[in-house]
C-alpha atoms as a PDB file:
ATOM      1  CA  MET A   1     -44.283-170.080  57.182  1.00  0.00           C
ATOM      2  CA  PHE A   2     -43.944-168.317  53.843  1.00  0.00           C
ATOM      3  CA  PHE A   3     -45.401-164.899  53.191  1.00  0.00           C
ATOM      4  CA  VAL A   4     -46.049-162.703  50.204  1.00  0.00           C
ATOM      5  CA  LEU A   5     -45.768-158.968  50.762  1.00  0.00           C
ATOM      6  CA  LEU A   6     -47.460-157.125  47.937  1.00  0.00           C
ATOM      7  CA  ASN A   7     -46.752-153.417  47.463  1.00  0.00           C
ATOM      8  CA  THR A   8     -48.398-151.240  44.831  1.00  0.00           C
ATOM      9  CA  GLY A   9     -48.113-147.664  43.648  1.00  0.00           C
ATOM     10  CA  HIS A  10     -50.331-144.891  44.849  1.00  0.00           C
ATOM     11  CA  ALA A  11     -52.402-145.094  41.680  1.00  0.00           C
ATOM     12  CA  ALA A  12     -52.780-148.864  41.437  1.00  0.00           C
ATOM     13  CA  GLU A  13     -54.024-151.099  44.244  1.00  0.00           C
ATOM     14  CA  VAL A  14     -53.705-154.820  44.913  1.00  0.00           C
ATOM     15  CA  LYS A  15     -56.777-156.687  46.156  1.00  0.00           C
ATOM     16  CA  ASN A  16     -58.037-160.249  46.661  1.00  0.00           C
ATOM     17  CA  ILE A  17     -54.630-161.859  47.100  1.00  0.00           C
ATOM     18  CA  THR A  18     -54.438-165.669  47.038  1.00  0.00           C
ATOM     19  CA  SER A  19     -51.550-168.108  46.794  1.00  0.00           C
ATOM     20  CA  GLY A  20     -50.928-171.772  46.282  1.00  0.00           C
ATOM     21  CA  GLN A  21     -49.059-174.440  44.354  1.00  0.00           C
ATOM     22  CA  SER A  22     -49.669-175.755  40.848  1.00  0.00           C
ATOM     23  CA  GLY A  23     -47.725-178.943  40.196  1.00  0.00           C
ATOM     24  CA  GLU A  24     -44.049-178.172  40.831  1.00  0.00           C
ATOM     25  CA  ARG A  25     -44.558-174.391  40.881  1.00  0.00           C
ATOM     26  CA  GLY A  26     -45.724-171.978  43.531  1.00  0.00           C
ATOM     27  CA  PHE A  27     -47.886-169.044  42.519  1.00  0.00           C
ATOM     28  CA  VAL A  28     -49.312-165.762  43.769  1.00  0.00           C
ATOM     29  CA  GLN A  29     -52.543-164.391  42.335  1.00  0.00           C
ATOM     30  CA  TYR A  30     -53.992-160.944  42.842  1.00  0.00           C
ATOM     31  CA  ASP A  31     -56.218-158.275  41.311  1.00  0.00           C
ATOM     32  CA  LEU A  32     -54.458-155.117  40.132  1.00  0.00           C
ATOM     33  CA  VAL A  33     -56.976-152.283  40.323  1.00  0.00           C
ATOM     34  CA  GLY A  34     -56.289-148.842  38.873  1.00  0.00           C
ATOM     35  CA  LYS A  35     -58.058-145.503  38.861  1.00  0.00           C
ATOM     36  CA  LEU A  36     -60.222-144.463  35.948  1.00  0.00           C
ATOM     37  CA  GLY A  37     -58.193-144.421  32.736  1.00  0.00           C
ATOM     38  CA  GLU A  38     -55.235-146.414  34.037  1.00  0.00           C
ATOM     39  CA  LYS A  39     -54.364-149.443  31.944  1.00  0.00           C
ATOM     40  CA  GLU A  40     -50.934-150.607  33.225  1.00  0.00           C
ATOM     41  CA  ALA A  41     -48.627-150.595  36.225  1.00  0.00           C
ATOM     42  CA  ASP A  42     -44.974-151.612  36.633  1.00  0.00           C
ATOM     43  CA  VAL A  43     -44.511-154.411  39.188  1.00  0.00           C
ATOM     44  CA  THR A  44     -41.120-155.387  40.657  1.00  0.00           C
ATOM     45  CA  VAL A  45     -40.637-158.731  42.404  1.00  0.00           C
ATOM     46  CA  PHE A  46     -38.104-159.752  45.061  1.00  0.00           C
ATOM     47  CA  LEU A  47     -37.745-163.005  46.995  1.00  0.00           C
ATOM     48  CA  GLU A  48     -36.291-162.946  50.500  1.00  0.00           C
ATOM     49  CA  ILE A  49     -35.064-166.128  52.230  1.00  0.00           C
ATOM     50  CA  GLY A  50     -33.533-165.932  55.703  1.00  0.00           C
ATOM     51  CA  GLY A  51     -32.591-162.291  55.184  1.00  0.00           C
ATOM     52  CA  GLU A  52     -31.054-162.764  51.715  1.00  0.00           C
ATOM     53  CA  ARG A  53     -32.807-160.900  48.917  1.00  0.00           C
ATOM     54  CA  TYR A  54     -33.129-162.187  45.330  1.00  0.00           C
ATOM     55  CA  PRO A  55     -34.377-160.015  42.439  1.00  0.00           C
ATOM     56  CA  ALA A  56     -36.682-161.463  39.802  1.00  0.00           C
ATOM     57  CA  GLY A  57     -33.843-161.596  37.293  1.00  0.00           C
ATOM     58  CA  LYS A  58     -32.116-164.285  39.341  1.00  0.00           C
ATOM     59  CA  LEU A  59     -35.235-166.422  39.805  1.00  0.00           C
ATOM     60  CA  SER A  60     -37.220-168.794  37.591  1.00  0.00           C
ATOM     61  CA  LEU A  61     -40.354-166.652  37.473  1.00  0.00           C
ATOM     62  CA  SER A  62     -43.032-166.266  34.849  1.00  0.00           C
ATOM     63  CA  GLY A  63     -46.335-164.449  34.559  1.00  0.00           C
ATOM     64  CA  ASP A  64     -47.661-161.084  35.656  1.00  0.00           C
ATOM     65  CA  PHE A  65     -44.733-159.011  36.903  1.00  0.00           C
ATOM     66  CA  GLY A  66     -42.232-156.550  35.438  1.00  0.00           C
ATOM     67  CA  VAL A  67     -43.037-153.562  33.271  1.00  0.00           C
ATOM     68  CA  LYS A  68     -46.496-152.676  32.071  1.00  0.00           C
ATOM     69  CA  VAL A  69     -48.591-155.263  33.875  1.00  0.00           C
ATOM     70  CA  LYS A  70     -52.125-154.731  32.657  1.00  0.00           C
ATOM     71  CA  ILE A  71     -54.713-153.540  35.150  1.00  0.00           C
ATOM     72  CA  GLY A  72     -57.176-156.344  35.774  1.00  0.00           C
ATOM     73  CA  THR A  73     -58.256-159.273  37.884  1.00  0.00           C
ATOM     74  CA  GLY A  74     -56.589-162.655  38.204  1.00  0.00           C
ATOM     75  CA  LYS A  75     -53.006-161.429  37.829  1.00  0.00           C
ATOM     76  CA  ARG A  76     -50.661-164.341  38.561  1.00  0.00           C
ATOM     77  CA  PHE A  77     -46.965-165.096  38.602  1.00  0.00           C
ATOM     78  CA  TYR A  78     -45.273-168.489  39.063  1.00  0.00           C
ATOM     79  CA  TRP A  79     -42.049-169.589  40.726  1.00  0.00           C
ATOM     80  CA  ASP A  80     -40.281-172.780  39.593  1.00  0.00           C
ATOM     81  CA  PHE A  81     -38.635-173.288  42.988  1.00  0.00           C
ATOM     82  CA  LEU A  82     -37.015-176.636  42.133  1.00  0.00           C
ATOM     83  CA  LYS A  83     -34.890-174.983  39.431  1.00  0.00           C
ATOM     84  CA  ASP A  84     -33.639-172.304  41.821  1.00  0.00           C
ATOM     85  CA  PHE A  85     -33.305-174.440  44.965  1.00  0.00           C
ATOM     86  CA  PRO A  86     -33.090-178.132  43.945  1.00  0.00           C
ATOM     87  CA  ALA A  87     -31.853-179.130  47.421  1.00  0.00           C
ATOM     88  CA  GLY A  88     -34.481-177.079  49.270  1.00  0.00           C
ATOM     89  CA  PHE A  89     -33.927-174.031  51.448  1.00  0.00           C
ATOM     90  CA  ASP A  90     -34.063-172.956  55.077  1.00  0.00           C
ATOM     91  CA  GLY A  91     -35.286-169.833  56.803  1.00  0.00           C
ATOM     92  CA  GLU A  92     -38.306-167.562  56.643  1.00  0.00           C
ATOM     93  CA  VAL A  93     -39.410-166.809  53.093  1.00  0.00           C
ATOM     94  CA  SER A  94     -41.280-163.777  51.790  1.00  0.00           C
ATOM     95  CA  TRP A  95     -42.137-162.214  48.460  1.00  0.00           C
ATOM     96  CA  ASP A  96     -41.877-158.431  48.071  1.00  0.00           C
ATOM     97  CA  VAL A  97     -43.883-157.247  45.069  1.00  0.00           C
ATOM     98  CA  GLU A  98     -43.720-153.518  44.430  1.00  0.00           C
ATOM     99  CA  ALA A  99     -45.080-151.001  41.973  1.00  0.00           C
ATOM    100  CA  SER A 100     -43.262-147.730  41.420  1.00  0.00           C
ATOM    101  CA  GLY A 101     -43.509-145.528  44.507  1.00  0.00           C
ATOM    102  CA  GLY A 102     -45.710-148.043  46.258  1.00  0.00           C
ATOM    103  CA  ALA A 103     -46.474-148.767  49.885  1.00  0.00           C
ATOM    104  CA  PRO A 104     -47.313-152.106  51.565  1.00  0.00           C
ATOM    105  CA  ALA A 105     -50.790-153.344  50.727  1.00  0.00           C
ATOM    106  CA  ALA A 106     -51.351-156.848  52.104  1.00  0.00           C
ATOM    107  CA  VAL A 107     -49.839-160.097  53.333  1.00  0.00           C
ATOM    108  CA  ALA A 108     -50.858-163.610  52.199  1.00  0.00           C
ATOM    109  CA  PRO A 109     -49.411-167.061  53.023  1.00  0.00           C
ATOM    110  CA  VAL A 110     -47.652-169.143  50.394  1.00  0.00           C
ATOM    111  CA  PRO A 111     -47.287-172.931  50.752  1.00  0.00           C
ATOM    112  CA  GLU A 112     -43.852-174.257  51.627  1.00  0.00           C
ATOM    113  CA  ALA A 113     -41.872-175.519  48.686  1.00  0.00           C
ATOM    114  CA  SER A 114     -39.789-178.216  50.290  1.00  0.00           C
ATOM    115  CA  SER A 115     -39.869-178.036  54.073  1.00  0.00           C
ATOM    116  CA  GLY A 116     -43.421-179.262  54.674  1.00  0.00           C
ATOM    117  CA  SER A 117     -43.886-182.273  56.926  1.00  0.00           C
ATOM    118  CA  ARG A 118     -46.112-184.374  54.596  1.00  0.00           C
ATOM    119  CA  ILE A 119     -45.929-184.562  50.821  1.00  0.00           C
ATOM    120  CA  ALA A 120     -47.509-186.898  48.270  1.00  0.00           C
ATOM    121  CA  LEU A 121     -47.049-187.743  44.616  1.00  0.00           C
ATOM    122  CA  VAL A 122     -50.178-189.177  42.988  1.00  0.00           C
ATOM    123  CA  ILE A 123     -50.111-190.536  39.421  1.00  0.00           C
ATOM    124  CA  GLY A 124     -53.108-191.881  37.522  1.00  0.00           C
ATOM    125  CA  ASN A 125     -52.647-193.310  34.022  1.00  0.00           C
ATOM    126  CA  ALA A 126     -55.722-194.329  32.043  1.00  0.00           C
ATOM    127  CA  SER A 127     -55.389-193.419  28.350  1.00  0.00           C
ATOM    128  CA  TYR A 128     -53.463-196.484  27.220  1.00  0.00           C
ATOM    129  CA  LYS A 129     -53.817-196.960  23.475  1.00  0.00           C
ATOM    130  CA  ASN A 130     -54.599-200.683  23.488  1.00  0.00           C
ATOM    131  CA  ALA A 131     -56.055-201.136  26.959  1.00  0.00           C
ATOM    132  CA  PRO A 132     -57.537-197.917  28.388  1.00  0.00           C
ATOM    133  CA  LEU A 133     -58.675-197.912  31.998  1.00  0.00           C
ATOM    134  CA  LYS A 134     -62.012-196.519  33.124  1.00  0.00           C
ATOM    135  CA  LYS A 135     -61.262-195.697  36.736  1.00  0.00           C
ATOM    136  CA  ALA A 136     -57.573-194.821  37.123  1.00  0.00           C
ATOM    137  CA  LEU A 137     -58.165-191.088  36.728  1.00  0.00           C
ATOM    138  CA  ASN A 138     -61.044-191.182  39.224  1.00  0.00           C
ATOM    139  CA  ASP A 139     -58.821-193.106  41.606  1.00  0.00           C
ATOM    140  CA  ALA A 140     -55.923-190.650  41.349  1.00  0.00           C
ATOM    141  CA  ASN A 141     -58.084-187.538  41.578  1.00  0.00           C
ATOM    142  CA  ASP A 142     -60.051-188.870  44.551  1.00  0.00           C
ATOM    143  CA  VAL A 143     -56.939-189.966  46.446  1.00  0.00           C
ATOM    144  CA  ALA A 144     -55.272-186.598  45.776  1.00  0.00           C
ATOM    145  CA  ALA A 145     -58.348-184.754  47.071  1.00  0.00           C
ATOM    146  CA  ALA A 146     -58.508-186.918  50.195  1.00  0.00           C
ATOM    147  CA  LEU A 147     -54.826-186.387  50.952  1.00  0.00           C
ATOM    148  CA  ARG A 148     -55.167-182.633  50.574  1.00  0.00           C
ATOM    149  CA  GLU A 149     -58.081-182.680  53.012  1.00  0.00           C
ATOM    150  CA  ILE A 150     -55.886-184.263  55.679  1.00  0.00           C
ATOM    151  CA  GLY A 151     -53.001-181.870  55.189  1.00  0.00           C
ATOM    152  CA  PHE A 152     -50.725-183.375  52.543  1.00  0.00           C
ATOM    153  CA  SER A 153     -49.081-181.187  49.920  1.00  0.00           C
ATOM    154  CA  VAL A 154     -49.991-183.129  46.784  1.00  0.00           C
ATOM    155  CA  THR A 155     -48.483-183.258  43.306  1.00  0.00           C
ATOM    156  CA  LEU A 156     -50.991-184.856  40.915  1.00  0.00           C
ATOM    157  CA  LYS A 157     -50.122-186.170  37.463  1.00  0.00           C
ATOM    158  CA  THR A 158     -52.548-187.870  35.074  1.00  0.00           C
ATOM    159  CA  ASP A 159     -51.882-189.731  31.832  1.00  0.00           C
ATOM    160  CA  ALA A 160     -48.148-189.247  32.188  1.00  0.00           C
ATOM    161  CA  GLY A 161     -45.632-190.536  29.680  1.00  0.00           C
ATOM    162  CA  GLN A 162     -42.355-192.160  30.655  1.00  0.00           C
ATOM    163  CA  ASP A 163     -40.284-188.961  30.578  1.00  0.00           C
ATOM    164  CA  GLU A 164     -42.898-187.044  32.563  1.00  0.00           C
ATOM    165  CA  MET A 165     -43.163-189.796  35.178  1.00  0.00           C
ATOM    166  CA  GLU A 166     -39.402-189.969  35.621  1.00  0.00           C
ATOM    167  CA  HIS A 167     -39.016-186.183  35.765  1.00  0.00           C
ATOM    168  CA  THR A 168     -41.880-185.823  38.242  1.00  0.00           C
ATOM    169  CA  ILE A 169     -40.511-188.560  40.507  1.00  0.00           C
ATOM    170  CA  GLU A 170     -37.064-186.958  40.439  1.00  0.00           C
ATOM    171  CA  ALA A 171     -38.496-183.546  41.304  1.00  0.00           C
ATOM    172  CA  PHE A 172     -40.590-185.063  44.080  1.00  0.00           C
ATOM    173  CA  THR A 173     -37.608-186.743  45.713  1.00  0.00           C
ATOM    174  CA  ARG A 174     -35.733-183.439  45.861  1.00  0.00           C
ATOM    175  CA  LYS A 175     -38.373-182.142  48.277  1.00  0.00           C
ATOM    176  CA  ILE A 176     -37.702-184.855  50.859  1.00  0.00           C
ATOM    177  CA  ARG A 177     -35.914-184.047  54.087  1.00  0.00           C
ATOM    178  CA  LYS A 178     -35.421-185.938  57.332  1.00  0.00           C
ATOM    179  CA  ASP A 179     -38.597-184.530  58.903  1.00  0.00           C
ATOM    180  CA  VAL A 180     -40.786-185.248  55.855  1.00  0.00           C
ATOM    181  CA  THR A 181     -43.355-188.032  55.527  1.00  0.00           C
ATOM    182  CA  THR A 182     -43.866-189.085  51.902  1.00  0.00           C
ATOM    183  CA  LEU A 183     -46.652-190.923  50.109  1.00  0.00           C
ATOM    184  CA  PHE A 184     -46.472-192.281  46.562  1.00  0.00           C
ATOM    185  CA  TYR A 185     -49.653-193.514  44.872  1.00  0.00           C
ATOM    186  CA  PHE A 186     -50.057-194.981  41.383  1.00  0.00           C
ATOM    187  CA  ALA A 187     -53.200-196.135  39.582  1.00  0.00           C
ATOM    188  CA  GLY A 188     -52.753-197.641  36.139  1.00  0.00           C
ATOM    189  CA  HIS A 189     -51.307-200.670  34.414  1.00  0.00           C
ATOM    190  CA  GLY A 190     -48.532-202.580  36.129  1.00  0.00           C
ATOM    191  CA  VAL A 191     -46.543-205.556  34.843  1.00  0.00           C
ATOM    192  CA  GLN A 192     -44.420-208.031  36.749  1.00  0.00           C
ATOM    193  CA  VAL A 193     -41.756-209.857  34.715  1.00  0.00           C
ATOM    194  CA  ASP A 194     -38.530-211.698  35.510  1.00  0.00           C
ATOM    195  CA  GLY A 195     -38.837-210.917  39.196  1.00  0.00           C
ATOM    196  CA  ARG A 196     -39.215-207.163  38.603  1.00  0.00           C
ATOM    197  CA  TYR A 197     -42.257-204.896  38.832  1.00  0.00           C
ATOM    198  CA  PHE A 198     -42.942-202.017  36.433  1.00  0.00           C
ATOM    199  CA  LEU A 199     -45.464-199.174  36.162  1.00  0.00           C
ATOM    200  CA  LEU A 200     -46.595-198.461  32.610  1.00  0.00           C
ATOM    201  CA  PRO A 201     -46.654-194.901  31.243  1.00  0.00           C
ATOM    202  CA  VAL A 202     -49.085-193.814  28.552  1.00  0.00           C
ATOM    203  CA  GLY A 203     -47.952-193.198  24.989  1.00  0.00           C
ATOM    204  CA  LYS A 204     -45.608-196.183  24.797  1.00  0.00           C
ATOM    205  CA  GLU A 205     -46.283-199.362  22.823  1.00  0.00           C
ATOM    206  CA  ILE A 206     -45.487-202.361  25.014  1.00  0.00           C
ATOM    207  CA  LYS A 207     -45.280-205.652  23.093  1.00  0.00           C
ATOM    208  CA  SER A 208     -42.427-207.535  24.732  1.00  0.00           C
ATOM    209  CA  VAL A 209     -40.447-208.009  27.920  1.00  0.00           C
ATOM    210  CA  ILE A 210     -37.723-205.753  26.490  1.00  0.00           C
ATOM    211  CA  ASP A 211     -40.324-203.039  25.890  1.00  0.00           C
ATOM    212  CA  VAL A 212     -41.446-203.318  29.517  1.00  0.00           C
ATOM    213  CA  LYS A 213     -37.898-202.978  30.830  1.00  0.00           C
ATOM    214  CA  THR A 214     -36.972-200.021  28.605  1.00  0.00           C
ATOM    215  CA  ARG A 215     -40.263-198.129  28.274  1.00  0.00           C
ATOM    216  CA  SER A 216     -41.649-198.337  31.803  1.00  0.00           C
ATOM    217  CA  VAL A 217     -40.765-197.124  35.286  1.00  0.00           C
ATOM    218  CA  GLU A 218     -39.429-199.754  37.654  1.00  0.00           C
ATOM    219  CA  VAL A 219     -40.847-199.806  41.171  1.00  0.00           C
ATOM    220  CA  THR A 220     -37.516-200.557  42.839  1.00  0.00           C
ATOM    221  CA  VAL A 221     -36.070-197.390  41.294  1.00  0.00           C
ATOM    222  CA  ILE A 222     -38.906-195.353  42.814  1.00  0.00           C
ATOM    223  CA  LEU A 223     -38.370-196.988  46.205  1.00  0.00           C
ATOM    224  CA  GLU A 224     -34.631-196.378  46.147  1.00  0.00           C
ATOM    225  CA  LYS A 225     -34.895-192.751  45.046  1.00  0.00           C
ATOM    226  CA  ILE A 226     -37.401-191.888  47.778  1.00  0.00           C
ATOM    227  CA  VAL A 227     -35.990-193.986  50.632  1.00  0.00           C
ATOM    228  CA  GLU A 228     -32.387-192.888  50.139  1.00  0.00           C
ATOM    229  CA  ARG A 229     -33.442-189.301  50.898  1.00  0.00           C
ATOM    230  CA  GLY A 230     -33.926-190.348  54.516  1.00  0.00           C
ATOM    231  CA  GLY A 231     -37.436-189.040  55.160  1.00  0.00           C
ATOM    232  CA  ARG A 232     -39.290-189.723  58.392  1.00  0.00           C
ATOM    233  CA  ALA A 233     -41.593-192.362  56.827  1.00  0.00           C
ATOM    234  CA  ASN A 234     -42.521-193.479  53.316  1.00  0.00           C
ATOM    235  CA  PHE A 235     -45.810-194.965  52.079  1.00  0.00           C
ATOM    236  CA  PHE A 236     -46.176-196.609  48.666  1.00  0.00           C
ATOM    237  CA  PHE A 237     -49.616-197.533  47.293  1.00  0.00           C
ATOM    238  CA  PHE A 238     -49.929-199.341  43.939  1.00  0.00           C
ATOM    239  CA  ASP A 239     -53.428-199.896  42.537  1.00  0.00           C
ATOM    240  CA  THR A 240     -52.401-202.067  39.607  1.00  0.00           C
ATOM    241  CA  SER A 241     -52.356-205.670  38.511  1.00  0.00           C
ATOM    242  CA  ARG A 242     -49.252-207.756  39.177  1.00  0.00           C
ATOM    243  CA  SER A 243     -49.594-210.371  36.474  1.00  0.00           C
ATOM    244  CA  ASN A 244     -47.208-211.311  33.667  1.00  0.00           C
ATOM    245  CA  PRO A 245     -48.713-211.199  30.157  1.00  0.00           C
ATOM    246  CA  PHE A 246     -45.572-212.506  28.460  1.00  0.00           C
ATOM    247  CA  VAL A 247     -45.057-216.236  27.952  1.00  0.00           C
ATOM    248  CA  GLY A 248     -41.625-217.555  28.839  1.00  0.00           C
ATOM    249  CA  SER A 249     -40.630-214.969  31.430  1.00  0.00           C
ATOM    250  CA  SER A 250     -40.603-215.426  35.173  1.00  0.00           C
ATOM    251  CA  ASN A 251     -43.392-214.092  37.351  1.00  0.00           C
ATOM    252  CA  SER A 252     -41.726-214.265  40.771  1.00  0.00           C
ATOM    253  CA  ILE A 253     -41.289-210.924  42.488  1.00  0.00           C
ATOM    254  CA  GLN A 254     -37.846-209.961  43.701  1.00  0.00           C
ATOM    255  CA  LYS A 255     -37.227-210.111  47.423  1.00  0.00           C
ATOM    256  CA  ASN A 256     -36.094-206.495  47.787  1.00  0.00           C
ATOM    257  CA  LEU A 257     -39.634-205.288  47.125  1.00  0.00           C
ATOM    258  CA  ASN A 258     -40.312-205.954  50.778  1.00  0.00           C
ATOM    259  CA  ALA A 259     -40.742-202.634  52.495  1.00  0.00           C
ATOM    260  CA  PRO A 260     -37.474-200.779  53.155  1.00  0.00           C
ATOM    261  CA  LYS A 261     -36.773-199.235  56.548  1.00  0.00           C
ATOM    262  CA  ASN A 262     -39.430-196.777  57.759  1.00  0.00           C
ATOM    263  CA  SER A 263     -41.694-197.682  54.851  1.00  0.00           C
ATOM    264  CA  ILE A 264     -44.940-199.437  53.970  1.00  0.00           C
ATOM    265  CA  ILE A 265     -45.731-200.915  50.559  1.00  0.00           C
ATOM    266  CA  ALA A 266     -49.350-201.731  49.711  1.00  0.00           C
ATOM    267  CA  PHE A 267     -50.189-203.531  46.471  1.00  0.00           C
ATOM    268  CA  ALA A 268     -53.806-203.760  45.378  1.00  0.00           C
ATOM    269  CA  THR A 269     -53.498-207.501  44.860  1.00  0.00           C
ATOM    270  CA  ALA A 270     -51.237-210.460  45.517  1.00  0.00           C
ATOM    271  CA  ASP A 271     -48.086-211.425  43.643  1.00  0.00           C
ATOM    272  CA  GLY A 272     -48.928-212.605  40.118  1.00  0.00           C
ATOM    273  CA  LYS A 273     -52.614-211.672  40.338  1.00  0.00           C
ATOM    274  CA  ASP A 274     -54.845-209.169  38.542  1.00  0.00           C
ATOM    275  CA  ALA A 275     -56.734-206.375  40.271  1.00  0.00           C
ATOM    276  CA  LEU A 276     -60.455-206.921  39.767  1.00  0.00           C
ATOM    277  CA  ASP A 277     -62.914-204.451  38.274  1.00  0.00           C
ATOM    278  CA  ASN A 278     -66.234-203.435  39.811  1.00  0.00           C
ATOM    279  CA  SER A 279     -69.243-201.298  38.905  1.00  0.00           C
ATOM    280  CA  GLY A 280     -68.420-198.310  41.102  1.00  0.00           C
ATOM    281  CA  ARG A 281     -66.490-195.087  40.571  1.00  0.00           C
ATOM    282  CA  ASN A 282     -63.191-196.441  41.883  1.00  0.00           C
ATOM    283  CA  GLY A 283     -61.118-199.581  41.597  1.00  0.00           C
ATOM    284  CA  MET A 284     -61.608-202.126  44.365  1.00  0.00           C
ATOM    285  CA  PHE A 285     -58.449-201.302  46.327  1.00  0.00           C
ATOM    286  CA  THR A 286     -58.839-197.530  46.055  1.00  0.00           C
ATOM    287  CA  LYS A 287     -62.522-197.763  46.936  1.00  0.00           C
ATOM    288  CA  HIS A 288     -61.649-199.288  50.295  1.00  0.00           C
ATOM    289  CA  LEU A 289     -58.603-197.061  50.756  1.00  0.00           C
ATOM    290  CA  LEU A 290     -60.845-193.994  50.403  1.00  0.00           C
ATOM    291  CA  LEU A 291     -63.191-195.399  53.058  1.00  0.00           C
ATOM    292  CA  TRP A 292     -60.409-195.230  55.653  1.00  0.00           C
ATOM    293  CA  ILE A 293     -57.745-192.776  54.513  1.00  0.00           C
ATOM    294  CA  LYS A 294     -59.313-189.718  56.178  1.00  0.00           C
ATOM    295  CA  THR A 295     -60.188-191.484  59.451  1.00  0.00           C
ATOM    296  CA  PRO A 296     -58.715-189.375  62.283  1.00  0.00           C
ATOM    297  CA  GLY A 297     -56.263-190.988  64.666  1.00  0.00           C
ATOM    298  CA  ILE A 298     -56.050-194.453  63.108  1.00  0.00           C
ATOM    299  CA  ASP A 299     -52.620-196.097  62.867  1.00  0.00           C
ATOM    300  CA  ILE A 300     -51.652-196.592  59.212  1.00  0.00           C
ATOM    301  CA  GLU A 301     -50.925-200.300  59.604  1.00  0.00           C
ATOM    302  CA  LYS A 302     -54.324-200.839  61.227  1.00  0.00           C
ATOM    303  CA  MET A 303     -55.927-198.743  58.470  1.00  0.00           C
ATOM    304  CA  LEU A 304     -54.338-200.822  55.720  1.00  0.00           C
ATOM    305  CA  ASN A 305     -55.360-204.039  57.451  1.00  0.00           C
ATOM    306  CA  ARG A 306     -58.955-202.808  57.306  1.00  0.00           C
ATOM    307  CA  VAL A 307     -58.524-201.982  53.615  1.00  0.00           C
ATOM    308  CA  ARG A 308     -57.196-205.494  52.971  1.00  0.00           C
ATOM    309  CA  LEU A 309     -60.040-207.050  54.929  1.00  0.00           C
ATOM    310  CA  GLY A 310     -62.639-204.999  53.060  1.00  0.00           C
ATOM    311  CA  VAL A 311     -61.262-205.890  49.621  1.00  0.00           C
ATOM    312  CA  THR A 312     -60.911-209.559  50.537  1.00  0.00           C
ATOM    313  CA  GLN A 313     -64.446-209.782  51.863  1.00  0.00           C
ATOM    314  CA  GLU A 314     -66.063-207.919  48.961  1.00  0.00           C
ATOM    315  CA  THR A 315     -64.298-210.069  46.359  1.00  0.00           C
ATOM    316  CA  ARG A 316     -64.748-213.273  48.383  1.00  0.00           C
ATOM    317  CA  GLY A 317     -61.026-213.838  48.397  1.00  0.00           C
ATOM    318  CA  ALA A 318     -60.489-213.310  44.668  1.00  0.00           C
ATOM    319  CA  GLN A 319     -58.418-210.174  45.351  1.00  0.00           C
ATOM    320  CA  VAL A 320     -56.241-209.881  48.453  1.00  0.00           C
ATOM    321  CA  PRO A 321     -54.067-206.766  48.851  1.00  0.00           C
ATOM    322  CA  ASP A 322     -50.410-207.445  49.643  1.00  0.00           C
ATOM    323  CA  ILE A 323     -49.079-205.193  52.412  1.00  0.00           C
ATOM    324  CA  SER A 324     -45.500-205.109  53.664  1.00  0.00           C
ATOM    325  CA  GLY A 325     -44.447-202.885  56.557  1.00  0.00           C
ATOM    326  CA  ASN A 326     -41.107-201.976  58.124  1.00  0.00           C
ATOM    327  CA  LEU A 327     -41.847-199.023  60.381  1.00  0.00           C
ATOM    328  CA  SER A 328     -39.777-198.001  63.392  1.00  0.00           C
ATOM    329  CA  ILE A 329     -42.336-195.392  64.494  1.00  0.00           C
ATOM    330  CA  ASP A 330     -45.249-196.512  66.653  1.00  0.00           C
ATOM    331  CA  ASP A 331     -48.801-195.333  65.995  1.00  0.00           C
ATOM    332  CA  LEU A 332     -48.044-193.498  62.740  1.00  0.00           C
ATOM    333  CA  GLN A 333     -51.189-191.868  61.341  1.00  0.00           C
ATOM    334  CA  LEU A 334     -52.096-190.370  57.967  1.00  0.00           C
ATOM    335  CA  ASN A 335     -54.657-188.123  59.649  1.00  0.00           C
ATOM    336  CA  PRO A 336     -53.441-187.350  63.182  1.00  0.00           C
ATOM    337  CA  LYS A 337     -56.308-184.899  63.885  1.00  0.00           C
END
């Protein structure tokens, strides 16, 4: 468990402390209340991990700390923990935030940066220049919200370019440890060419097979980066089409896209097929995924079989999700409550 210990001076007082995570950064928010006429207070920040103490000058911090912090509500500082501890860290963690001559004021929990048991990366791309999608952002936001409800620590990215996707995936993999369960979800355009499967970023013009291979993110790279970290289990959900829009290139999927060890891969549709649209808020696959994802106590393979059945029945066989599993853990549940 992480804690924030906030100390303030005798004149200023800290109230209404909250904490959380915004993307790849942790944060602490508080109100700094002063007596009549006070406008500023000096605030000193220290991080303590397993008994070792780090001053603010040695950390990647930004925001409301240091000299002359203005009295007011909604004071916040951020910690870019992946820059300071790219391989993670062990031990009890606490923040000590002091104003000159202060005494302890309050304690508030801060989410774990890298040692949590279940983490998810959710990406939704919709604002494609030539072929925008209506539901990808709804899909990503709704899946992220559902995962948070069942206890996942979620990183959500929307309308991400190639560099942002690659950077975010790299940062996400650095959080994975042996006791961590990971989930990767993507909603957006996907292309399958020459036996390889790619996720399309926004902001790139894709007109040829070469463009796909150089301006997209390959699924096998994502699988390899996440699986090689040796987490407890890995789930990959792709709500995209799997067709090939380019004449003259192969459309057969490579064999190593079968689920790696301790993993499940779920594609919204079958090899070489398009994901169908519908009149609702979400895409067909995500619609049925959201019906089951929060169900307490259901085994994930059984859950995904119900998703596949629901999609197949609603589309009368026109769209059949493709699910590949290679789990060595029995009765693995997304929502074990």
